[in-house]
């Protein structure tokens, strides 16, 4: 039989062991990041987008923006949609200025301010890790505070977190936070080693990718092949089906049906909503299941209009 004092002692030992383990991991994370700093220093110094003037026209914040001091760096960008209409939020580490030049509390507030405009619906988070250095990284304490401040609505409606160009540092930090992160949330994490892998899931052309990240990706691909980055060969497009509605231009749809004022999918969707959905609350708040969307697209393209059974 275990006494109360023995149980307390065991509990304290376990707690101390966990603290030591966490402390060791944090120290290891710092060492790994310093190694990455040294590797970056050996390469040609290239700067990322760090001011409003060099951002794309659509991404330049107005000087009257309540978080202009943070927004002007281009760290957080809303960048189009994925292939299922879910909003893309981009976080670019290389755009973080040195820590002494940025109030990280303001950064967290700005991130929440941006997400608040989209979290009522499903969204995707893309994190470009390249460019995070010892000189510009937020503290691990800041990361813990950030995770705790993002309540259920942020975590539930975030469907995927793409971590692009992960390093050993990322995996160590993930182990530090593992006890805090639910299994369900952990399943949303996807590591992406090369930018080209994003094409399968996102509208790649809509992504706001910092030049520094593009250059880094080219170097990684060159190192993998032992030569210059190979040109990406795109197979010739297949001719569309006579009844195809998705994956074709509006001009193609119009030529196939000159009498229609709007595409068939839009016409049938509006008709259905008028008959069935006018009183359905929150009907546009959540995206449909990805597999259901694929099934509907396939049926339309085959000329078999309507929802799958």
Protein backbone atom coordinates (compact mmCIF):
# COMPACT_ATOMS: atom_id res chain seq x y z
CA UNK A 1 0.00 0.00 0.00
CA UNK A 2 1.37 3.42 -0.99
CA UNK A 3 1.26 6.16 1.65
CA UNK A 4 0.18 9.75 0.95
CA UNK A 5 3.75 10.99 1.48
CA UNK A 6 5.09 8.39 -0.95
CA UNK A 7 2.45 9.39 -3.51
CA UNK A 8 3.35 13.06 -3.05
CA UNK A 9 7.04 12.26 -3.40
CA UNK A 10 6.38 10.24 -6.55
CA UNK A 11 4.23 13.05 -7.96
CA UNK A 12 6.92 15.62 -7.23
CA UNK A 13 9.57 13.42 -8.86
CA UNK A 14 7.40 12.99 -11.96
CA UNK A 15 6.72 16.72 -12.12
CA UNK A 16 10.42 17.51 -11.72
CA UNK A 17 11.28 14.97 -14.40
CA UNK A 18 8.75 16.54 -16.79
CA UNK A 19 10.12 20.01 -16.09
CA UNK A 20 13.66 18.81 -16.69
CA UNK A 21 12.59 17.11 -19.91
CA UNK A 22 10.83 20.26 -21.13
CA UNK A 23 13.80 22.39 -20.14
CA UNK A 24 16.15 20.07 -22.03
CA UNK A 25 13.96 20.21 -25.12
CA UNK A 26 13.81 24.00 -24.99
CA UNK A 27 17.60 24.15 -24.74
CA UNK A 28 17.90 21.69 -27.63
CA UNK A 29 15.52 23.82 -29.70
CA UNK A 30 17.71 26.87 -29.14
CA UNK A 31 20.81 24.91 -30.19
CA UNK A 32 19.11 23.68 -33.36
CA UNK A 33 17.99 27.19 -34.28
CA UNK A 34 21.51 28.51 -33.76
CA UNK A 35 22.80 25.80 -36.12
CA UNK A 36 20.26 26.90 -38.70
CA UNK A 37 21.40 30.50 -38.21
CA UNK A 38 24.98 29.47 -38.96
CA UNK A 39 23.91 27.61 -42.09
CA UNK A 40 21.97 30.65 -43.27
CA UNK A 41 24.95 32.92 -42.61
CA UNK A 42 27.04 30.79 -44.97
CA UNK A 43 24.56 31.47 -47.77
CA UNK A 44 24.08 34.74 -49.60
CA UNK A 45 22.13 37.18 -47.45
CA UNK A 46 18.75 37.83 -49.03
CA UNK A 47 16.11 39.94 -47.33
CA UNK A 48 12.43 39.16 -47.22
CA UNK A 49 9.49 41.46 -47.77
CA UNK A 50 9.52 43.62 -44.66
CA UNK A 51 7.79 46.86 -45.54
CA UNK A 52 4.46 47.92 -46.99
CA UNK A 53 5.94 49.44 -50.16
CA UNK A 54 7.30 46.09 -51.36
CA UNK A 55 4.13 44.10 -50.67
CA UNK A 56 1.75 43.18 -53.51
CA UNK A 57 -0.78 45.92 -54.20
CA UNK A 58 -3.61 43.96 -52.58
CA UNK A 59 -1.54 43.28 -49.48
CA UNK A 60 -0.43 46.80 -48.60
CA UNK A 61 -2.08 47.95 -45.37
CA UNK A 62 -3.48 51.44 -45.05
CA UNK A 63 -1.42 53.60 -42.67
CA UNK A 64 -4.63 54.10 -40.68
CA UNK A 65 -4.87 50.33 -40.05
CA UNK A 66 -5.16 49.73 -36.27
CA UNK A 67 -2.21 47.33 -36.46
CA UNK A 68 -0.20 49.09 -39.15
CA UNK A 69 2.98 48.77 -37.07
CA UNK A 70 2.72 44.97 -37.49
CA UNK A 71 0.81 44.67 -40.77
CA UNK A 72 3.39 46.68 -42.72
CA UNK A 73 5.91 43.83 -42.41
CA UNK A 74 3.75 41.37 -44.36
CA UNK A 75 4.10 38.64 -41.74
CA UNK A 76 0.43 37.65 -41.94
CA UNK A 77 -1.42 37.64 -45.27
CA UNK A 78 -4.87 36.52 -46.40
CA UNK A 79 -4.07 34.80 -49.68
CA UNK A 80 -7.04 33.50 -51.68
CA UNK A 81 -8.72 30.13 -51.16
CA UNK A 82 -7.89 26.46 -51.37
CA UNK A 83 -9.51 24.18 -53.96
CA UNK A 84 -12.61 23.85 -51.78
CA UNK A 85 -13.21 27.54 -51.18
CA UNK A 86 -11.62 27.72 -47.73
CA UNK A 87 -9.73 30.92 -46.95
CA UNK A 88 -5.92 30.76 -46.80
CA UNK A 89 -4.04 32.57 -44.03
CA UNK A 90 -0.27 32.84 -44.58
CA UNK A 91 2.34 33.35 -41.83
CA UNK A 92 5.86 34.05 -43.16
CA UNK A 93 8.67 33.76 -40.63
CA UNK A 94 11.21 35.43 -42.90
CA UNK A 95 9.18 38.64 -42.69
CA UNK A 96 9.60 38.85 -38.91
CA UNK A 97 11.91 41.77 -38.09
CA UNK A 98 14.44 41.47 -35.24
CA UNK A 99 12.65 40.93 -31.94
CA UNK A 100 13.64 44.32 -30.54
CA UNK A 101 11.86 45.98 -33.48
CA UNK A 102 8.52 44.21 -33.04
CA UNK A 103 6.09 44.03 -30.14
CA UNK A 104 5.18 40.35 -30.12
CA UNK A 105 2.10 41.03 -28.02
CA UNK A 106 0.90 43.28 -30.84
CA UNK A 107 1.74 40.51 -33.30
CA UNK A 108 -0.51 38.09 -31.41
CA UNK A 109 -3.32 40.66 -31.28
CA UNK A 110 -2.95 41.31 -35.01
CA UNK A 111 -3.02 37.59 -35.79
CA UNK A 112 -6.26 37.23 -33.81
CA UNK A 113 -7.64 40.38 -35.45
CA UNK A 114 -6.99 38.83 -38.88
CA UNK A 115 -8.35 35.39 -37.99
CA UNK A 116 -11.48 36.87 -36.40
CA UNK A 117 -12.60 37.95 -39.86
CA UNK A 118 -12.54 34.36 -41.13
CA UNK A 119 -12.83 31.84 -38.26
CA UNK A 120 -16.62 31.59 -38.40
CA UNK A 121 -15.99 29.56 -41.55
CA UNK A 122 -13.45 26.84 -42.32
CA UNK A 123 -9.97 28.12 -43.09
CA UNK A 124 -6.43 26.90 -43.83
CA UNK A 125 -3.22 28.12 -42.18
CA UNK A 126 0.06 28.01 -44.14
CA UNK A 127 3.25 28.58 -42.13
CA UNK A 128 6.45 29.34 -44.04
CA UNK A 129 9.15 28.40 -41.55
CA UNK A 130 12.22 29.48 -43.53
CA UNK A 131 13.71 32.69 -42.20
CA UNK A 132 13.02 32.11 -38.51
CA UNK A 133 16.22 32.97 -36.69
CA UNK A 134 17.40 33.43 -33.12
CA UNK A 135 17.25 37.18 -33.67
CA UNK A 136 13.60 37.36 -34.76
CA UNK A 137 11.82 34.39 -33.23
CA UNK A 138 9.08 34.87 -30.63
CA UNK A 139 9.82 33.19 -27.31
CA UNK A 140 8.42 29.77 -26.41
CA UNK A 141 6.48 31.54 -23.66
CA UNK A 142 4.84 33.65 -26.37
CA UNK A 143 3.94 30.50 -28.30
CA UNK A 144 2.31 28.98 -25.21
CA UNK A 145 0.32 32.16 -24.61
CA UNK A 146 -0.73 32.25 -28.25
CA UNK A 147 -1.96 28.65 -28.18
CA UNK A 148 -3.89 29.20 -24.94
CA UNK A 149 -5.52 32.39 -26.27
CA UNK A 150 -6.79 30.73 -29.41
CA UNK A 151 -10.03 29.27 -28.13
CA UNK A 152 -12.18 26.54 -29.66
CA UNK A 153 -13.53 28.55 -32.60
CA UNK A 154 -10.01 29.15 -33.95
CA UNK A 155 -8.92 25.54 -33.56
CA UNK A 156 -12.13 23.83 -34.67
CA UNK A 157 -12.55 25.69 -37.96
CA UNK A 158 -8.87 25.50 -38.93
CA UNK A 159 -8.97 22.46 -41.19
CA UNK A 160 -5.26 22.09 -41.98
CA UNK A 161 -1.99 23.63 -40.79
CA UNK A 162 0.66 23.35 -43.50
CA UNK A 163 4.20 23.74 -42.15
CA UNK A 164 6.39 24.48 -45.16
CA UNK A 165 10.14 23.68 -45.09
CA UNK A 166 10.16 22.15 -41.57
CA UNK A 167 13.47 21.68 -39.77
CA UNK A 168 14.65 19.84 -36.66
CA UNK A 169 13.74 22.95 -34.67
CA UNK A 170 10.08 22.56 -35.65
CA UNK A 171 9.98 18.92 -34.59
CA UNK A 172 11.58 19.70 -31.22
CA UNK A 173 9.11 22.54 -30.57
CA UNK A 174 6.28 20.20 -31.51
CA UNK A 175 7.46 17.72 -28.87
CA UNK A 176 7.54 20.52 -26.30
CA UNK A 177 3.93 21.41 -27.03
CA UNK A 178 2.67 17.86 -27.46
CA UNK A 179 1.26 17.61 -23.91
CA UNK A 180 -0.85 20.73 -24.57
CA UNK A 181 -2.14 19.77 -27.99
CA UNK A 182 -5.16 17.54 -28.49
CA UNK A 183 -4.90 14.49 -30.71
CA UNK A 184 -7.61 15.92 -32.97
CA UNK A 185 -5.71 19.18 -33.47
CA UNK A 186 -2.45 17.30 -34.02
CA UNK A 187 -3.99 15.43 -36.97
CA UNK A 188 -4.45 18.76 -38.76
CA UNK A 189 -0.69 19.27 -39.02
CA UNK A 190 0.86 18.57 -42.44
CA UNK A 191 4.59 18.94 -43.15
CA UNK A 192 5.45 20.22 -46.64
CA UNK A 193 9.07 19.81 -47.73
CA UNK A 194 8.79 21.54 -51.10
CA UNK A 195 6.49 24.27 -52.37
CA UNK A 196 5.40 22.16 -55.30
CA UNK A 197 3.61 19.81 -52.89
CA UNK A 198 1.13 22.60 -52.12
CA UNK A 199 -0.23 22.52 -55.67
CA UNK A 200 -2.15 19.35 -54.91
CA UNK A 201 -4.21 21.04 -52.20
CA UNK A 202 -4.21 24.81 -52.78
CA UNK A 203 -4.64 27.34 -55.55
CA UNK A 204 -0.89 27.80 -55.74
CA UNK A 205 -1.02 30.86 -58.00
CA UNK A 206 -3.00 32.73 -55.33
CA UNK A 207 -0.37 32.21 -52.62
CA UNK A 208 1.66 35.20 -51.50
CA UNK A 209 5.08 33.55 -51.20
CA UNK A 210 8.02 35.74 -50.09
CA UNK A 211 10.91 35.79 -52.59
CA UNK A 212 13.24 34.47 -49.89
CA UNK A 213 11.07 31.38 -49.49
CA UNK A 214 11.05 30.80 -53.25
CA UNK A 215 14.85 31.02 -53.39
CA UNK A 216 15.20 28.65 -50.44
CA UNK A 217 12.90 26.13 -52.10
CA UNK A 218 15.01 26.24 -55.27
CA UNK A 219 18.16 25.55 -53.24
CA UNK A 220 16.52 22.60 -51.49
CA UNK A 221 15.41 21.06 -54.78
CA UNK A 222 18.83 21.63 -56.31
CA UNK A 223 20.51 19.95 -53.33
CA UNK A 224 18.14 17.01 -53.57
CA UNK A 225 18.90 16.43 -57.24
CA UNK A 226 22.58 17.30 -57.01
CA UNK A 227 22.16 19.91 -59.71
CA UNK A 228 20.06 22.90 -60.72
CA UNK A 229 16.33 22.71 -59.98
CA UNK A 230 14.63 20.76 -62.76
CA UNK A 231 11.94 22.51 -64.73
CA UNK A 232 8.51 21.25 -63.77
CA UNK A 233 6.98 19.48 -66.75
CA UNK A 234 3.23 19.80 -66.87
CA UNK A 235 1.45 17.07 -68.82
CA UNK A 236 -0.70 18.32 -71.70
CA UNK A 237 -4.25 19.05 -70.54
CA UNK A 238 -6.92 16.51 -71.37
CA UNK A 239 -9.78 17.75 -73.53
CA UNK A 240 -12.81 18.48 -71.34
CA UNK A 241 -15.87 16.27 -71.39
CA UNK A 242 -18.85 17.63 -73.36
CA UNK A 243 -20.76 17.99 -70.09
CA UNK A 244 -17.87 19.27 -67.94
CA UNK A 245 -18.75 22.06 -65.49
CA UNK A 246 -15.68 22.22 -63.24
CA UNK A 247 -12.09 22.81 -64.33
CA UNK A 248 -13.06 24.71 -67.47
CA UNK A 249 -13.32 28.40 -68.31
CA UNK A 250 -16.51 30.47 -68.25
CA UNK A 251 -16.02 31.01 -71.97
CA UNK A 252 -16.11 27.24 -72.54
CA UNK A 253 -19.34 26.93 -70.51
CA UNK A 254 -20.95 29.75 -72.46
CA UNK A 255 -19.99 28.27 -75.82
CA UNK A 256 -21.52 24.94 -74.78
CA UNK A 257 -24.78 26.54 -73.69
CA UNK A 258 -25.37 29.87 -75.41
CA UNK A 259 -28.90 30.20 -74.03
CA UNK A 260 -27.89 30.12 -70.36
CA UNK A 261 -27.30 33.43 -68.59
CA UNK A 262 -25.28 31.84 -65.79
CA UNK A 263 -23.47 28.47 -65.47
CA UNK A 264 -25.65 25.43 -64.80
CA UNK A 265 -24.13 24.75 -61.37
CA UNK A 266 -24.95 28.28 -60.19
CA UNK A 267 -28.45 28.14 -61.66
CA UNK A 268 -29.32 24.83 -60.01
CA UNK A 269 -27.72 25.85 -56.70
CA UNK A 270 -29.74 29.09 -56.53
CA UNK A 271 -32.94 27.23 -57.41
CA UNK A 272 -32.29 24.63 -54.72
CA UNK A 273 -31.54 27.27 -52.07
CA UNK A 274 -34.73 29.17 -52.90
CA UNK A 275 -36.77 26.00 -52.44
CA UNK A 276 -34.96 24.39 -49.51
CA UNK A 277 -32.48 26.70 -47.82
CA UNK A 278 -33.90 30.19 -47.31
CA UNK A 279 -34.69 29.51 -43.67
CA UNK A 280 -31.58 27.46 -42.90
CA UNK A 281 -29.43 29.43 -40.44
CA UNK A 282 -25.67 29.54 -41.01
CA UNK A 283 -25.89 27.71 -44.34
CA UNK A 284 -22.78 29.46 -45.71
CA UNK A 285 -20.82 29.37 -42.48
CA UNK A 286 -19.27 25.94 -42.91
CA UNK A 287 -17.77 24.22 -45.92
CA UNK A 288 -19.16 20.87 -47.00
CA UNK A 289 -17.09 17.73 -46.55
CA UNK A 290 -14.27 17.60 -49.09
CA UNK A 291 -15.30 14.14 -50.33
CA UNK A 292 -18.88 15.31 -50.87
CA UNK A 293 -17.63 18.26 -52.93
CA UNK A 294 -15.52 15.91 -55.07
CA UNK A 295 -18.48 13.59 -55.60
CA UNK A 296 -20.77 16.44 -56.67
CA UNK A 297 -18.14 17.85 -59.04
CA UNK A 298 -17.66 14.43 -60.63
CA UNK A 299 -21.40 13.93 -61.15
CA UNK A 300 -21.77 17.35 -62.75
CA UNK A 301 -18.79 16.75 -65.04
CA UNK A 302 -20.29 13.42 -66.13
CA UNK A 303 -23.63 15.06 -66.85
CA UNK A 304 -25.39 13.31 -63.95
CA UNK A 305 -26.78 16.41 -62.25
CA UNK A 306 -27.71 16.31 -58.60
CA UNK A 307 -26.34 15.26 -55.24
CA UNK A 308 -24.93 11.77 -54.72
CA UNK A 309 -27.20 9.34 -52.83
